[in-house]
PDB file of N, CA and C in Angstrom:
ATOM      1  N   UNK A   1     -20.972  10.126 -22.581  1.00  0.00           N
ATOM      2  CA  UNK A   1     -20.903   9.001 -21.675  1.00  0.00           C
ATOM      3  C   UNK A   1     -20.289   7.762 -22.328  1.00  0.00           C
ATOM      4  N   UNK A   2     -20.403   7.672 -23.647  1.00  0.00           N
ATOM      5  CA  UNK A   2     -19.782   6.555 -24.342  1.00  0.00           C
ATOM      6  C   UNK A   2     -18.269   6.596 -24.165  1.00  0.00           C
ATOM      7  N   UNK A   3     -17.690   7.793 -24.235  1.00  0.00           N
ATOM      8  CA  UNK A   3     -16.241   7.918 -24.040  1.00  0.00           C
ATOM      9  C   UNK A   3     -15.827   7.458 -22.647  1.00  0.00           C
ATOM     10  N   UNK A   4     -16.585   7.840 -21.634  1.00  0.00           N
ATOM     11  CA  UNK A   4     -16.279   7.404 -20.264  1.00  0.00           C
ATOM     12  C   UNK A   4     -16.333   5.890 -20.172  1.00  0.00           C
ATOM     13  N   UNK A   5     -17.367   5.302 -20.736  1.00  0.00           N
ATOM     14  CA  UNK A   5     -17.500   3.848 -20.740  1.00  0.00           C
ATOM     15  C   UNK A   5     -16.297   3.192 -21.410  1.00  0.00           C
ATOM     16  N   UNK A   6     -15.877   3.723 -22.541  1.00  0.00           N
ATOM     17  CA  UNK A   6     -14.732   3.161 -23.263  1.00  0.00           C
ATOM     18  C   UNK A   6     -13.437   3.303 -22.469  1.00  0.00           C
ATOM     19  N   UNK A   7     -13.260   4.442 -21.809  1.00  0.00           N
ATOM     20  CA  UNK A   7     -12.083   4.612 -20.963  1.00  0.00           C
ATOM     21  C   UNK A   7     -12.069   3.586 -19.842  1.00  0.00           C
ATOM     22  N   UNK A   8     -13.190   3.421 -19.158  1.00  0.00           N
ATOM     23  CA  UNK A   8     -13.249   2.486 -18.027  1.00  0.00           C
ATOM     24  C   UNK A   8     -13.041   1.055 -18.509  1.00  0.00           C
ATOM     25  N   UNK A   9     -13.749   0.668 -19.552  1.00  0.00           N
ATOM     26  CA  UNK A   9     -13.608  -0.703 -20.067  1.00  0.00           C
ATOM     27  C   UNK A   9     -12.182  -0.943 -20.556  1.00  0.00           C
ATOM     28  N   UNK A  10     -11.617   0.023 -21.256  1.00  0.00           N
ATOM     29  CA  UNK A  10     -10.257  -0.140 -21.778  1.00  0.00           C
ATOM     30  C   UNK A  10      -9.214  -0.238 -20.677  1.00  0.00           C
ATOM     31  N   UNK A  11      -9.230   0.699 -19.751  1.00  0.00           N
ATOM     32  CA  UNK A  11      -8.209   0.710 -18.699  1.00  0.00           C
ATOM     33  C   UNK A  11      -8.367  -0.492 -17.775  1.00  0.00           C
ATOM     34  N   UNK A  12      -9.582  -0.743 -17.298  1.00  0.00           N
ATOM     35  CA  UNK A  12      -9.805  -1.876 -16.389  1.00  0.00           C
ATOM     36  C   UNK A  12      -9.549  -3.190 -17.120  1.00  0.00           C
ATOM     37  N   UNK A  13     -10.007  -3.298 -18.349  1.00  0.00           N
ATOM     38  CA  UNK A  13      -9.801  -4.536 -19.108  1.00  0.00           C
ATOM     39  C   UNK A  13      -8.330  -4.851 -19.335  1.00  0.00           C
ATOM     40  N   UNK A  14      -7.568  -3.856 -19.734  1.00  0.00           N
ATOM     41  CA  UNK A  14      -6.130  -4.076 -19.939  1.00  0.00           C
ATOM     42  C   UNK A  14      -5.460  -4.386 -18.603  1.00  0.00           C
ATOM     43  N   UNK A  15      -5.862  -3.682 -17.554  1.00  0.00           N
ATOM     44  CA  UNK A  15      -5.309  -3.958 -16.224  1.00  0.00           C
ATOM     45  C   UNK A  15      -5.576  -5.388 -15.784  1.00  0.00           C
ATOM     46  N   UNK A  16      -6.805  -5.851 -15.976  1.00  0.00           N
ATOM     47  CA  UNK A  16      -7.133  -7.236 -15.625  1.00  0.00           C
ATOM     48  C   UNK A  16      -6.333  -8.229 -16.460  1.00  0.00           C
ATOM     49  N   UNK A  17      -6.198  -7.958 -17.753  1.00  0.00           N
ATOM     50  CA  UNK A  17      -5.440  -8.851 -18.628  1.00  0.00           C
ATOM     51  C   UNK A  17      -3.983  -8.938 -18.185  1.00  0.00           C
ATOM     52  N   UNK A  18      -3.388  -7.806 -17.901  1.00  0.00           N
ATOM     53  CA  UNK A  18      -1.996  -7.793 -17.449  1.00  0.00           C
ATOM     54  C   UNK A  18      -1.871  -8.511 -16.112  1.00  0.00           C
ATOM     55  N   UNK A  19      -2.804  -8.251 -15.210  1.00  0.00           N
ATOM     56  CA  UNK A  19      -2.776  -8.920 -13.914  1.00  0.00           C
ATOM     57  C   UNK A  19      -2.936 -10.426 -14.033  1.00  0.00           C
ATOM     58  N   UNK A  20      -3.808 -10.862 -14.926  1.00  0.00           N
ATOM     59  CA  UNK A  20      -4.055 -12.296 -15.089  1.00  0.00           C
ATOM     60  C   UNK A  20      -2.895 -13.019 -15.765  1.00  0.00           C
ATOM     61  N   UNK A  21      -2.108 -12.314 -16.543  1.00  0.00           N
ATOM     62  CA  UNK A  21      -0.996 -12.958 -17.253  1.00  0.00           C
ATOM     63  C   UNK A  21       0.349 -12.764 -16.555  1.00  0.00           C
ATOM     64  N   UNK A  22       0.358 -12.046 -15.442  1.00  0.00           N
ATOM     65  CA  UNK A  22       1.599 -11.811 -14.687  1.00  0.00           C
ATOM     66  C   UNK A  22       1.338 -12.036 -13.203  1.00  0.00           C
ATOM     67  N   UNK A  23       0.978 -13.250 -12.859  1.00  0.00           N
ATOM     68  CA  UNK A  23       0.625 -13.583 -11.483  1.00  0.00           C
ATOM     69  C   UNK A  23       1.874 -13.631 -10.601  1.00  0.00           C
ATOM     70  N   UNK A  24       1.726 -13.287  -9.321  1.00  0.00           N
ATOM     71  CA  UNK A  24       2.875 -13.293  -8.415  1.00  0.00           C
ATOM     72  C   UNK A  24       3.519 -14.676  -8.272  1.00  0.00           C
ATOM     73  N   UNK A  25       2.738 -15.706  -8.084  1.00  0.00           N
ATOM     74  CA  UNK A  25       3.242 -17.066  -8.017  1.00  0.00           C
ATOM     75  C   UNK A  25       4.035 -17.384  -6.761  1.00  0.00           C
ATOM     76  N   UNK A  26       4.748 -18.501  -6.809  1.00  0.00           N
ATOM     77  CA  UNK A  26       5.495 -19.005  -5.651  1.00  0.00           C
ATOM     78  C   UNK A  26       6.625 -18.080  -5.240  1.00  0.00           C
ATOM     79  N   UNK A  27       7.228 -17.397  -6.219  1.00  0.00           N
ATOM     80  CA  UNK A  27       8.327 -16.482  -5.905  1.00  0.00           C
ATOM     81  C   UNK A  27       7.876 -15.415  -4.917  1.00  0.00           C
ATOM     82  N   UNK A  28       6.742 -14.794  -5.190  1.00  0.00           N
ATOM     83  CA  UNK A  28       6.232 -13.742  -4.315  1.00  0.00           C
ATOM     84  C   UNK A  28       5.756 -14.323  -2.988  1.00  0.00           C
ATOM     85  N   UNK A  29       5.112 -15.468  -3.039  1.00  0.00           N
ATOM     86  CA  UNK A  29       4.608 -16.101  -1.813  1.00  0.00           C
ATOM     87  C   UNK A  29       5.745 -16.432  -0.863  1.00  0.00           C
ATOM     88  N   UNK A  30       6.937 -16.735  -1.403  1.00  0.00           N
ATOM     89  CA  UNK A  30       8.074 -17.098  -0.577  1.00  0.00           C
ATOM     90  C   UNK A  30       8.828 -15.923   0.028  1.00  0.00           C
ATOM     91  N   UNK A  31       8.487 -14.698  -0.360  1.00  0.00           N
ATOM     92  CA  UNK A  31       9.178 -13.529   0.192  1.00  0.00           C
ATOM     93  C   UNK A  31       8.783 -13.307   1.645  1.00  0.00           C
ATOM     94  N   UNK A  32       9.720 -12.806   2.421  1.00  0.00           N
ATOM     95  CA  UNK A  32       9.420 -12.418   3.803  1.00  0.00           C
ATOM     96  C   UNK A  32       8.728 -11.052   3.749  1.00  0.00           C
ATOM     97  N   UNK A  33       7.455 -11.039   4.153  1.00  0.00           N
ATOM     98  CA  UNK A  33       6.673  -9.809   4.095  1.00  0.00           C
ATOM     99  C   UNK A  33       6.267  -9.401   5.509  1.00  0.00           C
ATOM    100  N   UNK A  34       6.103  -8.109   5.730  1.00  0.00           N
ATOM    101  CA  UNK A  34       5.679  -7.655   7.058  1.00  0.00           C
ATOM    102  C   UNK A  34       4.240  -8.097   7.368  1.00  0.00           C
ATOM    103  N   UNK A  35       3.881  -8.068   8.627  1.00  0.00           N
ATOM    104  CA  UNK A  35       2.567  -8.534   9.064  1.00  0.00           C
ATOM    105  C   UNK A  35       1.429  -7.680   8.518  1.00  0.00           C
ATOM    106  N   UNK A  36       1.709  -6.422   8.158  1.00  0.00           N
ATOM    107  CA  UNK A  36       0.635  -5.542   7.702  1.00  0.00           C
ATOM    108  C   UNK A  36       0.321  -5.660   6.214  1.00  0.00           C
ATOM    109  N   UNK A  37       0.946  -6.596   5.502  1.00  0.00           N
ATOM    110  CA  UNK A  37       0.634  -6.796   4.081  1.00  0.00           C
ATOM    111  C   UNK A  37      -0.811  -7.289   3.977  1.00  0.00           C
ATOM    112  N   UNK A  38      -1.615  -6.653   3.127  1.00  0.00           N
ATOM    113  CA  UNK A  38      -3.027  -7.066   2.999  1.00  0.00           C
ATOM    114  C   UNK A  38      -3.143  -8.494   2.467  1.00  0.00           C
ATOM    115  N   UNK A  39      -4.290  -9.125   2.693  1.00  0.00           N
ATOM    116  CA  UNK A  39      -4.500 -10.468   2.144  1.00  0.00           C
ATOM    117  C   UNK A  39      -4.546 -10.427   0.617  1.00  0.00           C
ATOM    118  N   UNK A  40      -4.241 -11.538  -0.002  1.00  0.00           N
ATOM    119  CA  UNK A  40      -4.162 -11.598  -1.468  1.00  0.00           C
ATOM    120  C   UNK A  40      -5.447 -11.169  -2.164  1.00  0.00           C
ATOM    121  N   UNK A  41      -6.610 -11.468  -1.590  1.00  0.00           N
ATOM    122  CA  UNK A  41      -7.876 -11.113  -2.230  1.00  0.00           C
ATOM    123  C   UNK A  41      -8.068  -9.605  -2.331  1.00  0.00           C
ATOM    124  N   UNK A  42      -7.387  -8.825  -1.500  1.00  0.00           N
ATOM    125  CA  UNK A  42      -7.577  -7.372  -1.482  1.00  0.00           C
ATOM    126  C   UNK A  42      -6.936  -6.689  -2.692  1.00  0.00           C
ATOM    127  N   UNK A  43      -5.914  -7.282  -3.263  1.00  0.00           N
ATOM    128  CA  UNK A  43      -5.195  -6.630  -4.356  1.00  0.00           C
ATOM    129  C   UNK A  43      -6.040  -6.442  -5.611  1.00  0.00           C
ATOM    130  N   UNK A  44      -6.742  -7.470  -6.112  1.00  0.00           N
ATOM    131  CA  UNK A  44      -7.566  -7.224  -7.305  1.00  0.00           C
ATOM    132  C   UNK A  44      -8.689  -6.217  -7.053  1.00  0.00           C
ATOM    133  N   UNK A  45      -9.243  -6.221  -5.854  1.00  0.00           N
ATOM    134  CA  UNK A  45     -10.296  -5.255  -5.526  1.00  0.00           C
ATOM    135  C   UNK A  45      -9.721  -3.840  -5.549  1.00  0.00           C
ATOM    136  N   UNK A  46      -8.606  -3.639  -4.868  1.00  0.00           N
ATOM    137  CA  UNK A  46      -7.987  -2.310  -4.797  1.00  0.00           C
ATOM    138  C   UNK A  46      -7.548  -1.835  -6.177  1.00  0.00           C
ATOM    139  N   UNK A  47      -6.929  -2.716  -6.961  1.00  0.00           N
ATOM    140  CA  UNK A  47      -6.451  -2.298  -8.282  1.00  0.00           C
ATOM    141  C   UNK A  47      -7.607  -1.998  -9.233  1.00  0.00           C
ATOM    142  N   UNK A  48      -8.705  -2.723  -9.116  1.00  0.00           N
ATOM    143  CA  UNK A  48      -9.861  -2.418  -9.952  1.00  0.00           C
ATOM    144  C   UNK A  48     -10.393  -1.029  -9.626  1.00  0.00           C
ATOM    145  N   UNK A  49     -10.504  -0.713  -8.348  1.00  0.00           N
ATOM    146  CA  UNK A  49     -10.956   0.622  -7.935  1.00  0.00           C
ATOM    147  C   UNK A  49      -9.982   1.688  -8.449  1.00  0.00           C
ATOM    148  N   UNK A  50      -8.692   1.439  -8.298  1.00  0.00           N
ATOM    149  CA  UNK A  50      -7.690   2.396  -8.786  1.00  0.00           C
ATOM    150  C   UNK A  50      -7.788   2.586 -10.296  1.00  0.00           C
ATOM    151  N   UNK A  51      -7.943   1.494 -11.034  1.00  0.00           N
ATOM    152  CA  UNK A  51      -8.031   1.603 -12.491  1.00  0.00           C
ATOM    153  C   UNK A  51      -9.291   2.339 -12.927  1.00  0.00           C
ATOM    154  N   UNK A  52     -10.397   2.168 -12.214  1.00  0.00           N
ATOM    155  CA  UNK A  52     -11.604   2.937 -12.535  1.00  0.00           C
ATOM    156  C   UNK A  52     -11.329   4.423 -12.328  1.00  0.00           C
ATOM    157  N   UNK A  53     -10.675   4.769 -11.224  1.00  0.00           N
ATOM    158  CA  UNK A  53     -10.368   6.179 -10.962  1.00  0.00           C
ATOM    159  C   UNK A  53      -9.368   6.729 -11.985  1.00  0.00           C
ATOM    160  N   UNK A  54      -8.391   5.927 -12.378  1.00  0.00           N
ATOM    161  CA  UNK A  54      -7.432   6.349 -13.406  1.00  0.00           C
ATOM    162  C   UNK A  54      -8.156   6.578 -14.733  1.00  0.00           C
ATOM    163  N   UNK A  55      -9.105   5.704 -15.058  1.00  0.00           N
ATOM    164  CA  UNK A  55      -9.872   5.858 -16.297  1.00  0.00           C
ATOM    165  C   UNK A  55     -10.709   7.134 -16.279  1.00  0.00           C
ATOM    166  N   UNK A  56     -11.319   7.421 -15.144  1.00  0.00           N
ATOM    167  CA  UNK A  56     -12.121   8.641 -15.032  1.00  0.00           C
ATOM    168  C   UNK A  56     -11.228   9.868 -15.188  1.00  0.00           C
ATOM    169  N   UNK A  57     -10.062   9.835 -14.575  1.00  0.00           N
ATOM    170  CA  UNK A  57      -9.123  10.957 -14.724  1.00  0.00           C
ATOM    171  C   UNK A  57      -8.693  11.113 -16.179  1.00  0.00           C
ATOM    172  N   UNK A  58      -8.443  10.011 -16.855  1.00  0.00           N
ATOM    173  CA  UNK A  58      -8.071  10.068 -18.267  1.00  0.00           C
ATOM    174  C   UNK A  58      -9.190  10.619 -19.127  1.00  0.00           C
ATOM    175  N   UNK A  59     -10.409  10.187 -18.841  1.00  0.00           N
ATOM    176  CA  UNK A  59     -11.564  10.683 -19.597  1.00  0.00           C
ATOM    177  C   UNK A  59     -11.741  12.181 -19.399  1.00  0.00           C
ATOM    178  N   UNK A  60     -11.607  12.638 -18.155  1.00  0.00           N
ATOM    179  CA  UNK A  60     -11.755  14.078 -17.884  1.00  0.00           C
ATOM    180  C   UNK A  60     -10.648  14.879 -18.568  1.00  0.00           C
ATOM    181  N   UNK A  61      -9.449  14.332 -18.558  1.00  0.00           N
ATOM    182  CA  UNK A  61      -8.325  15.002 -19.226  1.00  0.00           C
ATOM    183  C   UNK A  61      -8.554  15.033 -20.729  1.00  0.00           C
ATOM    184  N   UNK A  62      -9.016  13.929 -21.275  1.00  0.00           N
ATOM    185  CA  UNK A  62      -9.291  13.827 -22.710  1.00  0.00           C
ATOM    186  C   UNK A  62     -10.363  14.829 -23.143  1.00  0.00           C
ATOM    187  N   UNK A  63     -11.390  14.980 -22.343  1.00  0.00           N
ATOM    188  CA  UNK A  63     -12.465  15.930 -22.673  1.00  0.00           C
ATOM    189  C   UNK A  63     -11.951  17.359 -22.722  1.00  0.00           C
ATOM    190  N   UNK A  64     -10.988  17.669 -21.897  1.00  0.00           N
ATOM    191  CA  UNK A  64     -10.466  19.038 -21.839  1.00  0.00           C
ATOM    192  C   UNK A  64      -9.534  19.332 -23.011  1.00  0.00           C
ATOM    193  N   UNK A  65      -8.612  18.403 -23.290  1.00  0.00           N
ATOM    194  CA  UNK A  65      -7.648  18.622 -24.380  1.00  0.00           C
ATOM    195  C   UNK A  65      -7.091  17.264 -24.816  1.00  0.00           C
ATOM    196  N   UNK A  66      -7.706  16.623 -25.802  1.00  0.00           N
ATOM    197  CA  UNK A  66      -7.325  15.261 -26.195  1.00  0.00           C
ATOM    198  C   UNK A  66      -5.870  15.097 -26.639  1.00  0.00           C
ATOM    199  N   UNK A  67      -5.264  16.162 -27.132  1.00  0.00           N
ATOM    200  CA  UNK A  67      -3.888  16.070 -27.633  1.00  0.00           C
ATOM    201  C   UNK A  67      -2.919  16.908 -26.805  1.00  0.00           C
ATOM    202  N   UNK A  68      -3.337  17.301 -25.634  1.00  0.00           N
ATOM    203  CA  UNK A  68      -2.525  18.180 -24.807  1.00  0.00           C
ATOM    204  C   UNK A  68      -1.463  17.450 -24.000  1.00  0.00           C
ATOM    205  N   UNK A  69      -0.649  18.235 -23.347  1.00  0.00           N
ATOM    206  CA  UNK A  69       0.437  17.703 -22.523  1.00  0.00           C
ATOM    207  C   UNK A  69      -0.105  16.849 -21.376  1.00  0.00           C
ATOM    208  N   UNK A  70      -1.210  17.274 -20.774  1.00  0.00           N
ATOM    209  CA  UNK A  70      -1.783  16.509 -19.662  1.00  0.00           C
ATOM    210  C   UNK A  70      -2.195  15.110 -20.109  1.00  0.00           C
ATOM    211  N   UNK A  71      -2.714  14.981 -21.316  1.00  0.00           N
ATOM    212  CA  UNK A  71      -3.103  13.665 -21.827  1.00  0.00           C
ATOM    213  C   UNK A  71      -1.871  12.795 -22.061  1.00  0.00           C
ATOM    214  N   UNK A  72      -0.800  13.407 -22.516  1.00  0.00           N
ATOM    215  CA  UNK A  72       0.453  12.658 -22.698  1.00  0.00           C
ATOM    216  C   UNK A  72       0.994  12.167 -21.354  1.00  0.00           C
ATOM    217  N   UNK A  73       0.916  13.016 -20.349  1.00  0.00           N
ATOM    218  CA  UNK A  73       1.368  12.623 -19.008  1.00  0.00           C
ATOM    219  C   UNK A  73       0.495  11.489 -18.478  1.00  0.00           C
ATOM    220  N   UNK A  74      -0.811  11.598 -18.678  1.00  0.00           N
ATOM    221  CA  UNK A  74      -1.721  10.538 -18.236  1.00  0.00           C
ATOM    222  C   UNK A  74      -1.376   9.216 -18.931  1.00  0.00           C
ATOM    223  N   UNK A  75      -1.164   9.261 -20.222  1.00  0.00           N
ATOM    224  CA  UNK A  75      -0.832   8.046 -20.975  1.00  0.00           C
ATOM    225  C   UNK A  75       0.503   7.460 -20.523  1.00  0.00           C
ATOM    226  N   UNK A  76       1.466   8.315 -20.230  1.00  0.00           N
ATOM    227  CA  UNK A  76       2.773   7.835 -19.763  1.00  0.00           C
ATOM    228  C   UNK A  76       2.653   7.157 -18.406  1.00  0.00           C
ATOM    229  N   UNK A  77       1.886   7.754 -17.481  1.00  0.00           N
ATOM    230  CA  UNK A  77       1.744   7.133 -16.177  1.00  0.00           C
ATOM    231  C   UNK A  77       0.988   5.824 -16.283  1.00  0.00           C
ATOM    232  N   UNK A  78       0.029   5.756 -17.204  1.00  0.00           N
ATOM    233  CA  UNK A  78      -0.717   4.509 -17.380  1.00  0.00           C
ATOM    234  C   UNK A  78       0.199   3.416 -17.931  1.00  0.00           C
ATOM    235  N   UNK A  79       1.058   3.769 -18.867  1.00  0.00           N
ATOM    236  CA  UNK A  79       2.014   2.791 -19.410  1.00  0.00           C
ATOM    237  C   UNK A  79       2.950   2.284 -18.311  1.00  0.00           C
ATOM    238  N   UNK A  80       3.443   3.186 -17.480  1.00  0.00           N
ATOM    239  CA  UNK A  80       4.300   2.768 -16.366  1.00  0.00           C
ATOM    240  C   UNK A  80       3.527   1.910 -15.366  1.00  0.00           C
ATOM    241  N   UNK A  81       2.287   2.277 -15.125  1.00  0.00           N
ATOM    242  CA  UNK A  81       1.447   1.508 -14.218  1.00  0.00           C
ATOM    243  C   UNK A  81       1.232   0.091 -14.767  1.00  0.00           C
ATOM    244  N   UNK A  82       0.912  -0.003 -16.047  1.00  0.00           N
ATOM    245  CA  UNK A  82       0.711  -1.312 -16.661  1.00  0.00           C
ATOM    246  C   UNK A  82       1.997  -2.134 -16.679  1.00  0.00           C
ATOM    247  N   UNK A  83       3.152  -1.490 -16.719  1.00  0.00           N
ATOM    248  CA  UNK A  83       4.433  -2.206 -16.752  1.00  0.00           C
ATOM    249  C   UNK A  83       4.804  -2.794 -15.394  1.00  0.00           C
ATOM    250  N   UNK A  84       4.178  -2.315 -14.333  1.00  0.00           N
ATOM    251  CA  UNK A  84       4.562  -2.732 -12.984  1.00  0.00           C
ATOM    252  C   UNK A  84       4.477  -4.253 -12.790  1.00  0.00           C
ATOM    253  N   UNK A  85       3.348  -4.859 -13.092  1.00  0.00           N
ATOM    254  CA  UNK A  85       3.189  -6.304 -12.860  1.00  0.00           C
ATOM    255  C   UNK A  85       4.170  -7.140 -13.668  1.00  0.00           C
ATOM    256  N   UNK A  86       4.337  -6.877 -14.975  1.00  0.00           N
ATOM    257  CA  UNK A  86       5.320  -7.680 -15.703  1.00  0.00           C
ATOM    258  C   UNK A  86       6.747  -7.506 -15.158  1.00  0.00           C
ATOM    259  N   UNK A  87       7.101  -6.291 -14.780  1.00  0.00           N
ATOM    260  CA  UNK A  87       8.458  -6.068 -14.256  1.00  0.00           C
ATOM    261  C   UNK A  87       8.628  -6.732 -12.893  1.00  0.00           C
ATOM    262  N   UNK A  88       7.674  -6.520 -12.015  1.00  0.00           N
ATOM    263  CA  UNK A  88       7.784  -7.037 -10.646  1.00  0.00           C
ATOM    264  C   UNK A  88       7.616  -8.541 -10.571  1.00  0.00           C
ATOM    265  N   UNK A  89       6.548  -9.057 -11.173  1.00  0.00           N
ATOM    266  CA  UNK A  89       6.203 -10.459 -10.956  1.00  0.00           C
ATOM    267  C   UNK A  89       6.753 -11.410 -12.028  1.00  0.00           C
ATOM    268  N   UNK A  90       6.906 -10.958 -13.249  1.00  0.00           N
ATOM    269  CA  UNK A  90       7.420 -11.841 -14.293  1.00  0.00           C
ATOM    270  C   UNK A  90       8.940 -11.753 -14.403  1.00  0.00           C
ATOM    271  N   UNK A  91       9.461 -10.536 -14.340  1.00  0.00           N
ATOM    272  CA  UNK A  91      10.905 -10.361 -14.473  1.00  0.00           C
ATOM    273  C   UNK A  91      11.632 -10.343 -13.125  1.00  0.00           C
ATOM    274  N   UNK A  92      10.853 -10.290 -12.039  1.00  0.00           N
ATOM    275  CA  UNK A  92      11.383 -10.251 -10.658  1.00  0.00           C
ATOM    276  C   UNK A  92      12.286  -9.067 -10.476  1.00  0.00           C
TER     277      UNK A  92
END
């Protein structure tokens, strides 16, 4: 259970840090968005839930084969996921 805790704290913590340092700002607020775009408060809630689920998937993959191909794929998708906010909101 310690490993699960570390996965959740690590993934969610890094996700929150990246989110807090790459805020959408005025650029995003000024975009023309469709009416069905969720309210701003929904994004941190949804991403926290997603990151918890990603952490659980990583923990389960790690338990099965810590150095296997599936763990490499999980780590690669997490890196791409973490890159999203800096690319989208900081680099536009």
